[in-house]
């Protein structure tokens, strides 16, 4: 009986021991599991999270604006108008201004019409041009003028003096239009008063030649017949003549073959070189009297030299130019002495 009791107790102890072993194994397994999980969590916590760094915005600070300093260029500005004198021809371009000896100014504003025959075209009429001028008087009063320039010079009484426009350049060409700013006139103030024609001739212009014609400078050109070669000659004064300072200068002669019987008379100063000065002391256009167009005719005028000129050699010139292109057609000269 005791032996059975001991066996029963021993079996119970063994059974309890087995349960405890199994229980300890479960706890260990749970602890390992728990430990593993914790380790994984720790590992997860220790693994760095890659986070994109915030974008850095770089704002460029603009440089202060650079202000360009303008370069100052010294420009010589001369608003003074060129002075002209009575009896002395002068040139005047579009937009140019001259001052007048009695006060005031004159300027050429424009050539408003130009129907002159082009130099590269054959015309039955020479045509004409119209130039627009502006003037101011000594008191500042402003005026505008239009002067027609054709085969004969155009005239206008400006500021109490007679302005005579004797030339307009350039001449038209059918193949080359003229720019408005390229025009230049040649003009002269010939005296005070209203526009009056120059002194005209009185000799006969009929079929009978003037007295002394056969012995004149034009004797080679039969009177009242068409001239074959255009010409102009001076009968008075004769070469070498002397003129008293301040006295009138009588000039006369003959011409033939000029368009509309036009002739220009000039008096020029002779330089030390023997050549004539570029600017004339006196310039007067006139029309000679002939029996008919293209025939010899007679001309005469009285000139007054500008006051204040010094004594010395002078040259009297008679000429006429082509109305088509301005080229010289005929010319005659006589040298005299002013005493």
C-alpha atoms as a PDB file:
ATOM      1  CA  UNK A   1       0.000   0.000   0.000  1.00  0.00           C
ATOM      2  CA  UNK A   2       2.851   2.376   0.859  1.00  0.00           C
ATOM      3  CA  UNK A   3       4.509   1.488  -2.380  1.00  0.00           C
ATOM      4  CA  UNK A   4       1.458   2.478  -4.361  1.00  0.00           C
ATOM      5  CA  UNK A   5       1.174   5.703  -2.461  1.00  0.00           C
ATOM      6  CA  UNK A   6       4.805   6.526  -3.259  1.00  0.00           C
ATOM      7  CA  UNK A   7       4.292   5.766  -6.923  1.00  0.00           C
ATOM      8  CA  UNK A   8       1.195   7.991  -6.978  1.00  0.00           C
ATOM      9  CA  UNK A   9       3.114  10.842  -5.423  1.00  0.00           C
ATOM     10  CA  UNK A  10       6.020  10.362  -7.759  1.00  0.00           C
ATOM     11  CA  UNK A  11       3.728  10.443 -10.775  1.00  0.00           C
ATOM     12  CA  UNK A  12       2.096  13.632  -9.526  1.00  0.00           C
ATOM     13  CA  UNK A  13       5.431  15.280  -9.076  1.00  0.00           C
ATOM     14  CA  UNK A  14       6.522  14.288 -12.554  1.00  0.00           C
ATOM     15  CA  UNK A  15       3.299  15.576 -14.014  1.00  0.00           C
ATOM     16  CA  UNK A  16       3.729  18.911 -12.220  1.00  0.00           C
ATOM     17  CA  UNK A  17       7.286  19.124 -13.360  1.00  0.00           C
ATOM     18  CA  UNK A  18       6.218  18.618 -16.950  1.00  0.00           C
ATOM     19  CA  UNK A  19       3.579  21.307 -16.684  1.00  0.00           C
ATOM     20  CA  UNK A  20       6.097  23.752 -15.236  1.00  0.00           C
ATOM     21  CA  UNK A  21       8.579  22.959 -17.988  1.00  0.00           C
ATOM     22  CA  UNK A  22       5.977  23.477 -20.627  1.00  0.00           C
ATOM     23  CA  UNK A  23       4.909  26.722 -18.971  1.00  0.00           C
ATOM     24  CA  UNK A  24       8.487  27.997 -18.792  1.00  0.00           C
ATOM     25  CA  UNK A  25       9.034  27.120 -22.445  1.00  0.00           C
ATOM     26  CA  UNK A  26       5.937  29.132 -23.378  1.00  0.00           C
ATOM     27  CA  UNK A  27       7.129  32.138 -21.397  1.00  0.00           C
ATOM     28  CA  UNK A  28      10.532  31.933 -22.962  1.00  0.00           C
ATOM     29  CA  UNK A  29       9.080  31.644 -26.393  1.00  0.00           C
ATOM     30  CA  UNK A  30       6.814  34.603 -25.660  1.00  0.00           C
ATOM     31  CA  UNK A  31       9.707  36.565 -24.269  1.00  0.00           C
ATOM     32  CA  UNK A  32      11.781  35.802 -27.339  1.00  0.00           C
ATOM     33  CA  UNK A  33       8.913  36.817 -29.525  1.00  0.00           C
ATOM     34  CA  UNK A  34       8.390  39.929 -27.511  1.00  0.00           C
ATOM     35  CA  UNK A  35      12.038  40.685 -27.558  1.00  0.00           C
ATOM     36  CA  UNK A  36      12.232  40.162 -31.304  1.00  0.00           C
ATOM     37  CA  UNK A  37       9.302  42.453 -31.862  1.00  0.00           C
ATOM     38  CA  UNK A  38      10.766  45.088 -29.642  1.00  0.00           C
ATOM     39  CA  UNK A  39      14.082  44.754 -31.430  1.00  0.00           C
ATOM     40  CA  UNK A  40      12.348  45.215 -34.769  1.00  0.00           C
ATOM     41  CA  UNK A  41      10.566  48.252 -33.450  1.00  0.00           C
ATOM     42  CA  UNK A  42      13.776  49.625 -32.172  1.00  0.00           C
ATOM     43  CA  UNK A  43      15.430  48.915 -35.462  1.00  0.00           C
ATOM     44  CA  UNK A  44      12.605  50.670 -37.222  1.00  0.00           C
ATOM     45  CA  UNK A  45      12.976  53.636 -34.962  1.00  0.00           C
ATOM     46  CA  UNK A  46      16.698  53.817 -35.507  1.00  0.00           C
ATOM     47  CA  UNK A  47      16.490  53.644 -39.276  1.00  0.00           C
ATOM     48  CA  UNK A  48      16.805  57.267 -40.438  1.00  0.00           C
ATOM     49  CA  UNK A  49      13.974  58.575 -42.560  1.00  0.00           C
ATOM     50  CA  UNK A  50      15.186  60.203 -45.739  1.00  0.00           C
ATOM     51  CA  UNK A  51      13.452  63.607 -45.999  1.00  0.00           C
ATOM     52  CA  UNK A  52      14.047  65.953 -48.857  1.00  0.00           C
ATOM     53  CA  UNK A  53      15.762  69.079 -47.659  1.00  0.00           C
ATOM     54  CA  UNK A  54      13.655  72.214 -48.038  1.00  0.00           C
ATOM     55  CA  UNK A  55      14.386  74.104 -51.259  1.00  0.00           C
ATOM     56  CA  UNK A  56      16.553  77.064 -50.708  1.00  0.00           C
ATOM     57  CA  UNK A  57      15.273  80.031 -52.680  1.00  0.00           C
ATOM     58  CA  UNK A  58      18.060  82.363 -53.723  1.00  0.00           C
ATOM     59  CA  UNK A  59      16.824  85.856 -54.451  1.00  0.00           C
ATOM     60  CA  UNK A  60      19.250  87.850 -56.557  1.00  0.00           C
ATOM     61  CA  UNK A  61      19.515  91.407 -55.358  1.00  0.00           C
ATOM     62  CA  UNK A  62      19.471  93.604 -58.477  1.00  0.00           C
ATOM     63  CA  UNK A  63      22.418  95.845 -58.976  1.00  0.00           C
ATOM     64  CA  UNK A  64      21.613  99.533 -58.827  1.00  0.00           C
ATOM     65  CA  UNK A  65      20.695 100.872 -62.270  1.00  0.00           C
ATOM     66  CA  UNK A  66      23.513 102.434 -64.194  1.00  0.00           C
ATOM     67  CA  UNK A  67      22.519 105.812 -65.501  1.00  0.00           C
ATOM     68  CA  UNK A  68      24.342 106.711 -68.700  1.00  0.00           C
ATOM     69  CA  UNK A  69      25.771 110.163 -68.487  1.00  0.00           C
ATOM     70  CA  UNK A  70      25.334 111.860 -71.875  1.00  0.00           C
ATOM     71  CA  UNK A  71      28.486 113.031 -73.489  1.00  0.00           C
ATOM     72  CA  UNK A  72      28.458 116.746 -73.954  1.00  0.00           C
ATOM     73  CA  UNK A  73      29.720 117.686 -77.366  1.00  0.00           C
ATOM     74  CA  UNK A  74      30.614 121.267 -77.879  1.00  0.00           C
ATOM     75  CA  UNK A  75      28.940 122.419 -81.049  1.00  0.00           C
ATOM     76  CA  UNK A  76      29.678 125.794 -82.440  1.00  0.00           C
ATOM     77  CA  UNK A  77      26.360 127.404 -83.204  1.00  0.00           C
ATOM     78  CA  UNK A  78      26.369 130.625 -85.117  1.00  0.00           C
ATOM     79  CA  UNK A  79      22.945 132.108 -85.536  1.00  0.00           C
ATOM     80  CA  UNK A  80      24.288 135.287 -87.048  1.00  0.00           C
ATOM     81  CA  UNK A  81      23.044 135.721 -90.610  1.00  0.00           C
ATOM     82  CA  UNK A  82      25.552 136.415 -93.363  1.00  0.00           C
ATOM     83  CA  UNK A  83      25.471 140.074 -94.386  1.00  0.00           C
ATOM     84  CA  UNK A  84      24.849 141.179 -97.977  1.00  0.00           C
ATOM     85  CA  UNK A  85      25.479 144.566 -99.517  1.00  0.00           C
ATOM     86  CA  UNK A  86      23.649 146.651-102.067  1.00  0.00           C
ATOM     87  CA  UNK A  87      24.721 145.872-105.639  1.00  0.00           C
ATOM     88  CA  UNK A  88      26.703 142.739-104.741  1.00  0.00           C
ATOM     89  CA  UNK A  89      25.283 139.404-105.963  1.00  0.00           C
ATOM     90  CA  UNK A  90      24.904 136.716-103.323  1.00  0.00           C
ATOM     91  CA  UNK A  91      23.838 133.087-103.195  1.00  0.00           C
ATOM     92  CA  UNK A  92      21.062 131.876-100.934  1.00  0.00           C
ATOM     93  CA  UNK A  93      20.244 128.220-100.300  1.00  0.00           C
ATOM     94  CA  UNK A  94      16.933 126.832 -99.088  1.00  0.00           C
ATOM     95  CA  UNK A  95      16.733 127.407 -95.348  1.00  0.00           C
ATOM     96  CA  UNK A  96      19.563 129.950 -95.353  1.00  0.00           C
ATOM     97  CA  UNK A  97      19.187 133.505 -94.063  1.00  0.00           C
ATOM     98  CA  UNK A  98      21.080 136.718 -94.813  1.00  0.00           C
ATOM     99  CA  UNK A  99      21.018 140.071 -93.059  1.00  0.00           C
ATOM    100  CA  UNK A 100      20.276 143.216 -95.028  1.00  0.00           C
ATOM    101  CA  UNK A 101      22.369 146.385 -94.799  1.00  0.00           C
ATOM    102  CA  UNK A 102      19.343 148.549 -93.914  1.00  0.00           C
ATOM    103  CA  UNK A 103      18.148 146.138 -91.233  1.00  0.00           C
ATOM    104  CA  UNK A 104      16.126 142.957 -91.251  1.00  0.00           C
ATOM    105  CA  UNK A 105      16.739 139.578 -92.841  1.00  0.00           C
ATOM    106  CA  UNK A 106      15.882 137.586 -95.955  1.00  0.00           C
ATOM    107  CA  UNK A 107      15.590 133.810 -96.276  1.00  0.00           C
ATOM    108  CA  UNK A 108      14.734 131.356 -99.034  1.00  0.00           C
ATOM    109  CA  UNK A 109      11.976 129.084 -97.752  1.00  0.00           C
ATOM    110  CA  UNK A 110      11.435 126.819-100.750  1.00  0.00           C
ATOM    111  CA  UNK A 111      11.062 126.502-104.487  1.00  0.00           C
ATOM    112  CA  UNK A 112       7.353 125.813-104.693  1.00  0.00           C
ATOM    113  CA  UNK A 113       7.192 125.165-108.427  1.00  0.00           C
ATOM    114  CA  UNK A 114       9.776 124.298-111.054  1.00  0.00           C
ATOM    115  CA  UNK A 115       8.527 123.852-114.605  1.00  0.00           C
ATOM    116  CA  UNK A 116      11.811 124.834-116.293  1.00  0.00           C
ATOM    117  CA  UNK A 117      12.777 122.768-119.286  1.00  0.00           C
ATOM    118  CA  UNK A 118      14.965 119.831-118.171  1.00  0.00           C
ATOM    119  CA  UNK A 119      18.465 119.873-119.587  1.00  0.00           C
ATOM    120  CA  UNK A 120      18.029 116.404-121.099  1.00  0.00           C
ATOM    121  CA  UNK A 121      14.760 117.268-122.877  1.00  0.00           C
ATOM    122  CA  UNK A 122      14.067 119.427-125.938  1.00  0.00           C
ATOM    123  CA  UNK A 123      11.351 121.978-125.143  1.00  0.00           C
ATOM    124  CA  UNK A 124       9.570 124.698-127.054  1.00  0.00           C
ATOM    125  CA  UNK A 125       9.388 126.835-123.915  1.00  0.00           C
ATOM    126  CA  UNK A 126      12.096 127.476-121.324  1.00  0.00           C
ATOM    127  CA  UNK A 127       9.586 127.307-118.489  1.00  0.00           C
ATOM    128  CA  UNK A 128       9.841 129.006-115.118  1.00  0.00           C
ATOM    129  CA  UNK A 129      10.166 128.392-111.396  1.00  0.00           C
ATOM    130  CA  UNK A 130       8.645 130.075-108.358  1.00  0.00           C
ATOM    131  CA  UNK A 131      10.719 130.711-105.235  1.00  0.00           C
ATOM    132  CA  UNK A 132       9.198 131.528-101.848  1.00  0.00           C
ATOM    133  CA  UNK A 133      11.079 134.027 -99.679  1.00  0.00           C
ATOM    134  CA  UNK A 134      10.503 135.342 -96.174  1.00  0.00           C
ATOM    135  CA  UNK A 135      11.753 138.670 -94.872  1.00  0.00           C
ATOM    136  CA  UNK A 136      11.745 140.648 -91.674  1.00  0.00           C
ATOM    137  CA  UNK A 137      12.066 144.406 -91.508  1.00  0.00           C
ATOM    138  CA  UNK A 138      14.258 146.345 -89.133  1.00  0.00           C
ATOM    139  CA  UNK A 139      11.212 146.611 -86.848  1.00  0.00           C
ATOM    140  CA  UNK A 140      10.642 142.840 -86.909  1.00  0.00           C
ATOM    141  CA  UNK A 141       7.657 142.942 -89.276  1.00  0.00           C
ATOM    142  CA  UNK A 142       7.472 139.656 -91.213  1.00  0.00           C
ATOM    143  CA  UNK A 143       6.509 139.252 -94.873  1.00  0.00           C
ATOM    144  CA  UNK A 144       6.454 136.431 -97.407  1.00  0.00           C
ATOM    145  CA  UNK A 145       7.221 136.765-101.098  1.00  0.00           C
ATOM    146  CA  UNK A 146       6.951 134.650-104.226  1.00  0.00           C
ATOM    147  CA  UNK A 147       9.192 135.492-107.153  1.00  0.00           C
ATOM    148  CA  UNK A 148       8.866 133.870-110.580  1.00  0.00           C
ATOM    149  CA  UNK A 149      12.183 133.069-112.240  1.00  0.00           C
ATOM    150  CA  UNK A 150      12.150 132.349-115.941  1.00  0.00           C
ATOM    151  CA  UNK A 151      14.177 133.381-118.959  1.00  0.00           C
ATOM    152  CA  UNK A 152      14.167 136.867-117.430  1.00  0.00           C
ATOM    153  CA  UNK A 153      15.128 137.559-113.807  1.00  0.00           C
ATOM    154  CA  UNK A 154      12.396 137.776-111.198  1.00  0.00           C
ATOM    155  CA  UNK A 155      12.038 140.927-109.107  1.00  0.00           C
ATOM    156  CA  UNK A 156      10.314 142.085-105.947  1.00  0.00           C
ATOM    157  CA  UNK A 157      10.474 145.199-103.790  1.00  0.00           C
ATOM    158  CA  UNK A 158      11.521 143.895-100.381  1.00  0.00           C
ATOM    159  CA  UNK A 159      11.951 146.085 -97.330  1.00  0.00           C
ATOM    160  CA  UNK A 160      12.129 149.152 -99.549  1.00  0.00           C
ATOM    161  CA  UNK A 161      14.789 147.772-101.900  1.00  0.00           C
ATOM    162  CA  UNK A 162      14.613 145.944-105.222  1.00  0.00           C
ATOM    163  CA  UNK A 163      15.584 142.268-105.043  1.00  0.00           C
ATOM    164  CA  UNK A 164      16.442 140.758-108.410  1.00  0.00           C
ATOM    165  CA  UNK A 165      16.753 136.949-108.629  1.00  0.00           C
ATOM    166  CA  UNK A 166      19.027 136.231-111.570  1.00  0.00           C
ATOM    167  CA  UNK A 167      19.657 132.503-111.317  1.00  0.00           C
ATOM    168  CA  UNK A 168      18.294 129.314-109.776  1.00  0.00           C
ATOM    169  CA  UNK A 169      20.344 126.127-109.565  1.00  0.00           C
ATOM    170  CA  UNK A 170      20.363 123.221-110.117  1.00  0.00           C
ATOM    171  CA  UNK A 171      18.611 122.965-113.460  1.00  0.00           C
ATOM    172  CA  UNK A 172      16.031 120.182-113.767  1.00  0.00           C
ATOM    173  CA  UNK A 173      16.822 116.851-115.380  1.00  0.00           C
ATOM    174  CA  UNK A 174      14.099 114.470-116.452  1.00  0.00           C
ATOM    175  CA  UNK A 175      16.125 111.532-115.118  1.00  0.00           C
ATOM    176  CA  UNK A 176      17.180 113.070-111.784  1.00  0.00           C
ATOM    177  CA  UNK A 177      14.579 114.842-109.628  1.00  0.00           C
ATOM    178  CA  UNK A 178      15.845 117.741-107.527  1.00  0.00           C
ATOM    179  CA  UNK A 179      15.620 117.393-103.751  1.00  0.00           C
ATOM    180  CA  UNK A 180      13.696 120.325-102.213  1.00  0.00           C
ATOM    181  CA  UNK A 181      16.676 121.349-100.102  1.00  0.00           C
ATOM    182  CA  UNK A 182      19.166 121.441-102.987  1.00  0.00           C
ATOM    183  CA  UNK A 183      18.006 124.698-104.573  1.00  0.00           C
ATOM    184  CA  UNK A 184      20.246 127.772-104.501  1.00  0.00           C
ATOM    185  CA  UNK A 185      19.352 131.191-105.917  1.00  0.00           C
ATOM    186  CA  UNK A 186      21.711 133.941-106.993  1.00  0.00           C
ATOM    187  CA  UNK A 187      20.240 137.356-106.302  1.00  0.00           C
ATOM    188  CA  UNK A 188      21.231 140.989-105.939  1.00  0.00           C
ATOM    189  CA  UNK A 189      19.718 144.073-104.345  1.00  0.00           C
ATOM    190  CA  UNK A 190      20.030 146.656-107.084  1.00  0.00           C
ATOM    191  CA  UNK A 191      18.624 149.693-105.304  1.00  0.00           C
ATOM    192  CA  UNK A 192      15.767 151.190-103.401  1.00  0.00           C
ATOM    193  CA  UNK A 193      12.253 151.635-104.720  1.00  0.00           C
ATOM    194  CA  UNK A 194       9.769 149.528-106.617  1.00  0.00           C
ATOM    195  CA  UNK A 195      10.502 146.902-109.220  1.00  0.00           C
ATOM    196  CA  UNK A 196      11.447 148.738-112.372  1.00  0.00           C
ATOM    197  CA  UNK A 197      13.111 147.414-115.499  1.00  0.00           C
ATOM    198  CA  UNK A 198      16.744 148.319-116.104  1.00  0.00           C
ATOM    199  CA  UNK A 199      17.588 151.125-118.484  1.00  0.00           C
ATOM    200  CA  UNK A 200      16.435 150.077-121.939  1.00  0.00           C
ATOM    201  CA  UNK A 201      17.893 151.099-125.265  1.00  0.00           C
ATOM    202  CA  UNK A 202      16.469 153.648-127.680  1.00  0.00           C
ATOM    203  CA  UNK A 203      18.332 153.000-130.949  1.00  0.00           C
ATOM    204  CA  UNK A 204      16.243 151.863-133.907  1.00  0.00           C
ATOM    205  CA  UNK A 205      15.445 148.183-134.104  1.00  0.00           C
ATOM    206  CA  UNK A 206      14.109 148.219-137.640  1.00  0.00           C
ATOM    207  CA  UNK A 207      15.741 146.933-140.814  1.00  0.00           C
ATOM    208  CA  UNK A 208      18.187 149.856-140.859  1.00  0.00           C
ATOM    209  CA  UNK A 209      21.214 149.309-138.612  1.00  0.00           C
ATOM    210  CA  UNK A 210      22.164 151.934-135.980  1.00  0.00           C
ATOM    211  CA  UNK A 211      24.696 154.584-136.990  1.00  0.00           C
ATOM    212  CA  UNK A 212      28.228 153.257-136.773  1.00  0.00           C
ATOM    213  CA  UNK A 213      27.127 149.621-136.727  1.00  0.00           C
ATOM    214  CA  UNK A 214      29.474 148.730-139.600  1.00  0.00           C
ATOM    215  CA  UNK A 215      32.420 149.907-137.475  1.00  0.00           C
ATOM    216  CA  UNK A 216      31.157 148.439-134.195  1.00  0.00           C
ATOM    217  CA  UNK A 217      32.195 145.299-132.375  1.00  0.00           C
ATOM    218  CA  UNK A 218      29.202 143.558-134.019  1.00  0.00           C
ATOM    219  CA  UNK A 219      30.106 144.419-137.616  1.00  0.00           C
ATOM    220  CA  UNK A 220      30.684 140.746-138.454  1.00  0.00           C
ATOM    221  CA  UNK A 221      26.982 140.017-137.827  1.00  0.00           C
ATOM    222  CA  UNK A 222      24.698 141.463-140.547  1.00  0.00           C
ATOM    223  CA  UNK A 223      21.919 143.570-139.107  1.00  0.00           C
ATOM    224  CA  UNK A 224      18.362 142.230-139.323  1.00  0.00           C
ATOM    225  CA  UNK A 225      19.591 138.739-140.179  1.00  0.00           C
ATOM    226  CA  UNK A 226      19.569 135.591-138.080  1.00  0.00           C
ATOM    227  CA  UNK A 227      22.931 135.080-136.415  1.00  0.00           C
ATOM    228  CA  UNK A 228      24.588 131.726-137.009  1.00  0.00           C
ATOM    229  CA  UNK A 229      26.736 131.911-133.895  1.00  0.00           C
ATOM    230  CA  UNK A 230      25.453 133.574-130.695  1.00  0.00           C
ATOM    231  CA  UNK A 231      27.552 136.561-129.654  1.00  0.00           C
ATOM    232  CA  UNK A 232      27.804 139.520-127.306  1.00  0.00           C
ATOM    233  CA  UNK A 233      30.264 142.450-127.444  1.00  0.00           C
ATOM    234  CA  UNK A 234      30.974 145.656-125.520  1.00  0.00           C
ATOM    235  CA  UNK A 235      31.221 148.989-127.342  1.00  0.00           C
ATOM    236  CA  UNK A 236      31.515 151.175-124.244  1.00  0.00           C
ATOM    237  CA  UNK A 237      33.688 151.514-122.219  1.00  0.00           C
ATOM    238  CA  UNK A 238      36.735 150.686-124.278  1.00  0.00           C
ATOM    239  CA  UNK A 239      39.590 148.666-122.894  1.00  0.00           C
ATOM    240  CA  UNK A 240      41.979 150.667-120.697  1.00  0.00           C
ATOM    241  CA  UNK A 241      39.483 153.439-119.967  1.00  0.00           C
ATOM    242  CA  UNK A 242      39.530 155.178-116.584  1.00  0.00           C
ATOM    243  CA  UNK A 243      36.503 155.714-114.359  1.00  0.00           C
ATOM    244  CA  UNK A 244      36.355 158.367-111.656  1.00  0.00           C
ATOM    245  CA  UNK A 245      35.594 157.101-108.163  1.00  0.00           C
ATOM    246  CA  UNK A 246      31.904 157.643-107.425  1.00  0.00           C
ATOM    247  CA  UNK A 247      30.963 158.397-111.035  1.00  0.00           C
ATOM    248  CA  UNK A 248      28.411 156.458-113.120  1.00  0.00           C
ATOM    249  CA  UNK A 249      29.591 153.719-115.454  1.00  0.00           C
ATOM    250  CA  UNK A 250      27.951 153.719-118.886  1.00  0.00           C
ATOM    251  CA  UNK A 251      28.038 150.306-120.547  1.00  0.00           C
ATOM    252  CA  UNK A 252      26.675 149.505-124.008  1.00  0.00           C
ATOM    253  CA  UNK A 253      27.104 146.954-126.759  1.00  0.00           C
ATOM    254  CA  UNK A 254      25.458 144.425-129.045  1.00  0.00           C
ATOM    255  CA  UNK A 255      24.301 140.828-128.791  1.00  0.00           C
ATOM    256  CA  UNK A 256      22.515 138.209-130.869  1.00  0.00           C
ATOM    257  CA  UNK A 257      21.242 134.658-130.463  1.00  0.00           C
ATOM    258  CA  UNK A 258      20.340 134.955-126.768  1.00  0.00           C
ATOM    259  CA  UNK A 259      17.146 133.328-125.540  1.00  0.00           C
ATOM    260  CA  UNK A 260      14.511 136.087-125.337  1.00  0.00           C
ATOM    261  CA  UNK A 261      17.269 138.668-125.908  1.00  0.00           C
ATOM    262  CA  UNK A 262      18.596 138.467-122.346  1.00  0.00           C
ATOM    263  CA  UNK A 263      22.078 139.673-121.365  1.00  0.00           C
ATOM    264  CA  UNK A 264      23.753 140.002-117.950  1.00  0.00           C
ATOM    265  CA  UNK A 265      26.224 142.831-117.251  1.00  0.00           C
ATOM    266  CA  UNK A 266      28.721 142.497-114.400  1.00  0.00           C
ATOM    267  CA  UNK A 267      31.560 144.525-112.947  1.00  0.00           C
ATOM    268  CA  UNK A 268      34.245 142.494-111.185  1.00  0.00           C
ATOM    269  CA  UNK A 269      37.349 143.446-109.265  1.00  0.00           C
ATOM    270  CA  UNK A 270      40.615 142.178-110.783  1.00  0.00           C
ATOM    271  CA  UNK A 271      42.834 140.434-108.240  1.00  0.00           C
ATOM    272  CA  UNK A 272      46.633 140.640-108.037  1.00  0.00           C
ATOM    273  CA  UNK A 273      46.779 137.290-109.856  1.00  0.00           C
ATOM    274  CA  UNK A 274      45.040 138.865-112.857  1.00  0.00           C
ATOM    275  CA  UNK A 275      41.874 136.823-112.430  1.00  0.00           C
ATOM    276  CA  UNK A 276      38.517 138.314-111.520  1.00  0.00           C
ATOM    277  CA  UNK A 277      37.033 138.025-108.040  1.00  0.00           C
ATOM    278  CA  UNK A 278      34.334 135.384-107.641  1.00  0.00           C
ATOM    279  CA  UNK A 279      31.712 137.871-106.461  1.00  0.00           C
ATOM    280  CA  UNK A 280      30.706 140.716-108.743  1.00  0.00           C
ATOM    281  CA  UNK A 281      30.623 144.300-107.505  1.00  0.00           C
ATOM    282  CA  UNK A 282      27.570 144.987-109.670  1.00  0.00           C
ATOM    283  CA  UNK A 283      25.335 142.636-111.637  1.00  0.00           C
ATOM    284  CA  UNK A 284      22.471 143.783-113.846  1.00  0.00           C
ATOM    285  CA  UNK A 285      20.375 141.662-116.223  1.00  0.00           C
ATOM    286  CA  UNK A 286      18.745 143.411-119.172  1.00  0.00           C
ATOM    287  CA  UNK A 287      17.043 142.804-122.508  1.00  0.00           C
ATOM    288  CA  UNK A 288      18.472 144.092-125.782  1.00  0.00           C
ATOM    289  CA  UNK A 289      16.446 145.486-128.671  1.00  0.00           C
ATOM    290  CA  UNK A 290      16.559 143.570-131.979  1.00  0.00           C
ATOM    291  CA  UNK A 291      14.603 143.520-135.206  1.00  0.00           C
ATOM    292  CA  UNK A 292      13.441 139.983-134.439  1.00  0.00           C
ATOM    293  CA  UNK A 293      14.373 137.023-132.271  1.00  0.00           C
ATOM    294  CA  UNK A 294      17.764 135.586-133.160  1.00  0.00           C
ATOM    295  CA  UNK A 295      18.943 138.796-134.825  1.00  0.00           C
ATOM    296  CA  UNK A 296      21.577 141.266-133.593  1.00  0.00           C
ATOM    297  CA  UNK A 297      20.383 143.870-131.125  1.00  0.00           C
ATOM    298  CA  UNK A 298      21.643 146.828-129.118  1.00  0.00           C
ATOM    299  CA  UNK A 299      21.789 147.197-125.334  1.00  0.00           C
ATOM    300  CA  UNK A 300      22.792 149.958-122.911  1.00  0.00           C
ATOM    301  CA  UNK A 301      22.697 150.497-119.151  1.00  0.00           C
ATOM    302  CA  UNK A 302      24.111 152.821-116.496  1.00  0.00           C
ATOM    303  CA  UNK A 303      25.753 151.193-113.477  1.00  0.00           C
ATOM    304  CA  UNK A 304      26.573 152.633-110.063  1.00  0.00           C
ATOM    305  CA  UNK A 305      29.438 150.996-108.208  1.00  0.00           C
ATOM    306  CA  UNK A 306      29.084 150.324-104.474  1.00  0.00           C
ATOM    307  CA  UNK A 307      30.338 153.123-102.266  1.00  0.00           C
ATOM    308  CA  UNK A 308      33.540 152.604-100.352  1.00  0.00           C
ATOM    309  CA  UNK A 309      35.365 150.443-102.897  1.00  0.00           C
ATOM    310  CA  UNK A 310      39.057 151.150-103.340  1.00  0.00           C
ATOM    311  CA  UNK A 311      40.552 152.355-106.637  1.00  0.00           C
ATOM    312  CA  UNK A 312      42.068 149.709-108.839  1.00  0.00           C
ATOM    313  CA  UNK A 313      41.534 147.563-111.929  1.00  0.00           C
ATOM    314  CA  UNK A 314      38.012 146.412-112.800  1.00  0.00           C
ATOM    315  CA  UNK A 315      36.567 144.082-115.393  1.00  0.00           C
ATOM    316  CA  UNK A 316      33.291 144.739-117.210  1.00  0.00           C
ATOM    317  CA  UNK A 317      31.597 141.528-118.369  1.00  0.00           C
ATOM    318  CA  UNK A 318      28.652 141.028-120.726  1.00  0.00           C
ATOM    319  CA  UNK A 319      27.356 137.469-121.059  1.00  0.00           C
ATOM    320  CA  UNK A 320      24.352 135.219-121.473  1.00  0.00           C
ATOM    321  CA  UNK A 321      23.793 131.616-120.504  1.00  0.00           C
ATOM    322  CA  UNK A 322      21.721 128.737-121.756  1.00  0.00           C
ATOM    323  CA  UNK A 323      18.246 128.649-120.175  1.00  0.00           C
ATOM    324  CA  UNK A 324      18.366 124.854-120.379  1.00  0.00           C
ATOM    325  CA  UNK A 325      21.435 124.080-118.295  1.00  0.00           C
ATOM    326  CA  UNK A 326      23.013 127.398-117.355  1.00  0.00           C
ATOM    327  CA  UNK A 327      26.155 126.876-119.406  1.00  0.00           C
ATOM    328  CA  UNK A 328      27.850 129.962-120.767  1.00  0.00           C
ATOM    329  CA  UNK A 329      26.858 130.694-124.376  1.00  0.00           C
ATOM    330  CA  UNK A 330      28.648 133.972-125.125  1.00  0.00           C
ATOM    331  CA  UNK A 331      30.792 136.420-123.157  1.00  0.00           C
ATOM    332  CA  UNK A 332      32.766 139.634-123.706  1.00  0.00           C
ATOM    333  CA  UNK A 333      35.050 141.457-121.256  1.00  0.00           C
ATOM    334  CA  UNK A 334      36.714 144.874-121.043  1.00  0.00           C
ATOM    335  CA  UNK A 335      39.247 145.889-118.376  1.00  0.00           C
ATOM    336  CA  UNK A 336      39.142 149.444-117.001  1.00  0.00           C
ATOM    337  CA  UNK A 337      40.685 151.318-114.068  1.00  0.00           C
ATOM    338  CA  UNK A 338      38.846 152.930-111.193  1.00  0.00           C
ATOM    339  CA  UNK A 339      40.664 156.093-110.078  1.00  0.00           C
END
